[in-house]
Amino acid sequence: MIVDIQQAKARLSELMERVKGGEEIILTEAGTPCARLVAFHARRRELGFVEGHVPDSFFEPLLDNDLDAWQTSS
């Protein structure tokens, strides 16, 4: 469905219901497409989806010369 932005302002509630129902709505301004209304589907992310292991040494303090290099580079 294509709707001019001025019409969309007056019919926003109706358009939102249509979007919730699965429709996609293209908004135009002076006949030029400028935006698209689509339903938002939040995705739940699971932790631990990457395989691998971080070695304990990763959490050890940096050596002084390595730490100095990081602090002076910023």
N, C-alpha and C. Protein backbone atom coordinates (compact mmCIF):
# COMPACT_ATOMS: atom_id res chain seq x y z
N MET A 1 0.85 -1.17 0.00
CA MET A 1 0.00 0.00 0.00
C MET A 1 0.90 1.23 0.00
N ILE A 2 0.56 2.23 -0.79
CA ILE A 2 1.31 3.48 -0.87
C ILE A 2 0.42 4.61 -0.38
N VAL A 3 0.96 5.42 0.56
CA VAL A 3 0.16 6.49 1.16
C VAL A 3 1.02 7.76 1.22
N ASP A 4 0.44 8.88 0.85
CA ASP A 4 1.12 10.16 0.97
C ASP A 4 1.26 10.51 2.46
N ILE A 5 2.34 11.15 2.80
CA ILE A 5 2.63 11.45 4.20
C ILE A 5 1.52 12.29 4.84
N GLN A 6 0.90 13.18 4.09
CA GLN A 6 -0.18 14.00 4.64
C GLN A 6 -1.39 13.13 4.98
N GLN A 7 -1.71 12.15 4.14
CA GLN A 7 -2.80 11.22 4.42
C GLN A 7 -2.43 10.34 5.61
N ALA A 8 -1.17 9.96 5.69
CA ALA A 8 -0.72 9.09 6.78
C ALA A 8 -0.91 9.76 8.14
N LYS A 9 -0.67 11.05 8.19
CA LYS A 9 -0.86 11.78 9.46
C LYS A 9 -2.30 11.66 9.94
N ALA A 10 -3.23 11.75 9.01
CA ALA A 10 -4.65 11.71 9.38
C ALA A 10 -5.13 10.29 9.64
N ARG A 11 -4.44 9.29 9.10
CA ARG A 11 -4.90 7.90 9.20
C ARG A 11 -3.92 7.00 9.94
N LEU A 12 -3.09 7.57 10.80
CA LEU A 12 -2.03 6.79 11.43
C LEU A 12 -2.54 5.58 12.20
N SER A 13 -3.59 5.73 12.96
CA SER A 13 -4.12 4.59 13.72
C SER A 13 -4.54 3.46 12.80
N GLU A 14 -5.22 3.78 11.73
CA GLU A 14 -5.63 2.76 10.76
C GLU A 14 -4.42 2.09 10.12
N LEU A 15 -3.43 2.89 9.74
CA LEU A 15 -2.24 2.35 9.11
C LEU A 15 -1.47 1.43 10.07
N MET A 16 -1.41 1.82 11.33
CA MET A 16 -0.72 0.99 12.32
C MET A 16 -1.41 -0.36 12.47
N GLU A 17 -2.71 -0.39 12.45
CA GLU A 17 -3.44 -1.67 12.54
C GLU A 17 -3.13 -2.54 11.33
N ARG A 18 -3.05 -1.93 10.16
CA ARG A 18 -2.74 -2.70 8.95
C ARG A 18 -1.33 -3.25 9.01
N VAL A 19 -0.40 -2.45 9.52
CA VAL A 19 0.99 -2.90 9.66
C VAL A 19 1.06 -4.05 10.66
N LYS A 20 0.36 -3.93 11.76
CA LYS A 20 0.33 -5.02 12.75
C LYS A 20 -0.23 -6.29 12.14
N GLY A 21 -1.11 -6.14 11.16
CA GLY A 21 -1.69 -7.29 10.48
C GLY A 21 -0.79 -7.88 9.41
N GLY A 22 0.40 -7.30 9.22
CA GLY A 22 1.35 -7.88 8.29
C GLY A 22 1.57 -7.09 7.01
N GLU A 23 0.82 -6.01 6.82
CA GLU A 23 1.00 -5.22 5.60
C GLU A 23 2.23 -4.34 5.70
N GLU A 24 2.78 -4.01 4.56
CA GLU A 24 3.87 -3.04 4.48
C GLU A 24 3.31 -1.80 3.81
N ILE A 25 3.62 -0.63 4.35
CA ILE A 25 3.08 0.61 3.81
C ILE A 25 4.24 1.52 3.43
N ILE A 26 4.22 2.00 2.21
CA ILE A 26 5.23 2.93 1.72
C ILE A 26 4.67 4.34 1.87
N LEU A 27 5.42 5.21 2.52
CA LEU A 27 5.03 6.61 2.66
C LEU A 27 5.72 7.42 1.58
N THR A 28 4.97 8.31 0.96
CA THR A 28 5.54 9.16 -0.08
C THR A 28 5.40 10.62 0.30
N GLU A 29 6.29 11.42 -0.24
CA GLU A 29 6.22 12.86 -0.05
C GLU A 29 6.34 13.47 -1.44
N ALA A 30 5.31 14.15 -1.87
CA ALA A 30 5.25 14.73 -3.22
C ALA A 30 5.45 13.64 -4.27
N GLY A 31 4.90 12.45 -4.01
CA GLY A 31 4.99 11.36 -4.97
C GLY A 31 6.26 10.54 -4.93
N THR A 32 7.23 10.93 -4.08
CA THR A 32 8.50 10.22 -3.98
C THR A 32 8.52 9.38 -2.71
N PRO A 33 8.79 8.08 -2.83
CA PRO A 33 8.86 7.23 -1.63
C PRO A 33 9.93 7.76 -0.67
N CYS A 34 9.56 7.85 0.61
CA CYS A 34 10.52 8.37 1.59
C CYS A 34 10.65 7.50 2.84
N ALA A 35 9.70 6.60 3.07
CA ALA A 35 9.78 5.76 4.27
C ALA A 35 8.90 4.53 4.06
N ARG A 36 9.16 3.54 4.91
CA ARG A 36 8.39 2.30 4.84
C ARG A 36 7.96 1.93 6.26
N LEU A 37 6.69 1.65 6.43
CA LEU A 37 6.17 1.18 7.72
C LEU A 37 6.08 -0.34 7.67
N VAL A 38 6.74 -0.98 8.61
CA VAL A 38 6.68 -2.44 8.72
C VAL A 38 6.54 -2.79 10.19
N ALA A 39 6.04 -3.98 10.46
CA ALA A 39 5.89 -4.42 11.85
C ALA A 39 7.28 -4.65 12.46
N PHE A 40 7.39 -4.36 13.72
CA PHE A 40 8.62 -4.56 14.46
C PHE A 40 8.52 -5.87 15.23
N HIS A 41 9.48 -6.73 15.02
CA HIS A 41 9.51 -8.01 15.71
C HIS A 41 10.79 -8.08 16.55
N ALA A 42 10.63 -7.93 17.84
CA ALA A 42 11.79 -8.00 18.73
C ALA A 42 12.30 -9.43 18.78
N ARG A 43 13.61 -9.56 18.71
CA ARG A 43 14.23 -10.88 18.80
C ARG A 43 14.94 -11.00 20.13
N ARG A 44 14.77 -12.11 20.75
CA ARG A 44 15.47 -12.37 22.00
C ARG A 44 16.80 -13.01 21.66
N ARG A 45 17.87 -12.48 22.19
CA ARG A 45 19.20 -13.01 21.93
C ARG A 45 19.63 -13.91 23.07
N GLU A 46 20.20 -15.01 22.69
CA GLU A 46 20.71 -15.94 23.70
C GLU A 46 22.19 -15.70 23.91
N LEU A 47 22.61 -15.75 25.15
CA LEU A 47 24.03 -15.66 25.45
C LEU A 47 24.67 -17.02 25.22
N GLY A 48 25.91 -17.00 24.86
CA GLY A 48 26.63 -18.25 24.68
C GLY A 48 26.41 -18.87 23.32
N PHE A 49 26.06 -18.07 22.32
CA PHE A 49 25.81 -18.63 21.00
C PHE A 49 27.10 -18.81 20.20
N VAL A 50 28.21 -18.26 20.66
CA VAL A 50 29.48 -18.41 19.96
C VAL A 50 30.26 -19.53 20.61
N GLU A 51 30.72 -20.43 19.78
CA GLU A 51 31.51 -21.53 20.33
C GLU A 51 32.93 -21.07 20.59
N GLY A 52 33.57 -21.68 21.53
CA GLY A 52 34.95 -21.35 21.82
C GLY A 52 35.14 -21.18 23.31
N HIS A 53 36.36 -20.86 23.66
CA HIS A 53 36.71 -20.73 25.06
C HIS A 53 37.71 -19.59 25.20
N VAL A 54 37.53 -18.77 26.19
CA VAL A 54 38.49 -17.70 26.49
C VAL A 54 39.43 -18.25 27.56
N PRO A 55 40.72 -18.30 27.26
CA PRO A 55 41.65 -18.85 28.25
C PRO A 55 41.75 -17.94 29.48
N ASP A 56 42.08 -18.54 30.61
CA ASP A 56 42.21 -17.77 31.85
C ASP A 56 43.25 -16.67 31.72
N SER A 57 44.26 -16.86 30.88
CA SER A 57 45.31 -15.86 30.72
C SER A 57 44.76 -14.55 30.15
N PHE A 58 43.62 -14.61 29.49
CA PHE A 58 42.99 -13.40 28.95
C PHE A 58 42.69 -12.40 30.06
N PHE A 59 42.37 -12.88 31.24
CA PHE A 59 41.97 -12.03 32.35
C PHE A 59 43.15 -11.60 33.23
N GLU A 60 44.35 -12.02 32.88
CA GLU A 60 45.53 -11.62 33.65
C GLU A 60 45.91 -10.19 33.30
N PRO A 61 46.49 -9.46 34.24
CA PRO A 61 46.89 -8.07 33.96
C PRO A 61 47.90 -8.01 32.82
N LEU A 62 47.88 -6.91 32.08
CA LEU A 62 48.85 -6.70 31.01
C LEU A 62 50.22 -6.40 31.60
N LEU A 63 51.26 -6.71 30.87
CA LEU A 63 52.60 -6.31 31.27
C LEU A 63 52.70 -4.80 31.18
N ASP A 64 53.58 -4.22 31.96
CA ASP A 64 53.67 -2.75 32.02
C ASP A 64 53.90 -2.12 30.64
N ASN A 65 54.80 -2.71 29.85
CA ASN A 65 55.07 -2.11 28.53
C ASN A 65 53.86 -2.23 27.61
N ASP A 66 53.08 -3.32 27.70
CA ASP A 66 51.87 -3.45 26.91
C ASP A 66 50.80 -2.45 27.38
N LEU A 67 50.68 -2.29 28.67
CA LEU A 67 49.72 -1.34 29.22
C LEU A 67 50.07 0.08 28.80
N ASP A 68 51.36 0.43 28.86
CA ASP A 68 51.80 1.76 28.42
C ASP A 68 51.45 2.01 26.96
N ALA A 69 51.64 0.98 26.13
CA ALA A 69 51.33 1.11 24.70
C ALA A 69 49.85 1.40 24.49
N TRP A 70 48.97 0.74 25.23
CA TRP A 70 47.52 0.98 25.11
C TRP A 70 47.16 2.38 25.61
N GLN A 71 47.77 2.80 26.69
CA GLN A 71 47.39 4.09 27.27
C GLN A 71 47.91 5.26 26.44
N THR A 72 49.01 5.13 25.76
CA THR A 72 49.55 6.23 24.97
C THR A 72 48.95 6.28 23.57
N SER A 73 48.31 5.20 23.13
CA SER A 73 47.77 5.19 21.77
C SER A 73 46.43 5.89 21.69
N SER A 74 45.78 6.21 22.80
CA SER A 74 44.47 6.85 22.71
C SER A 74 44.52 8.33 22.82
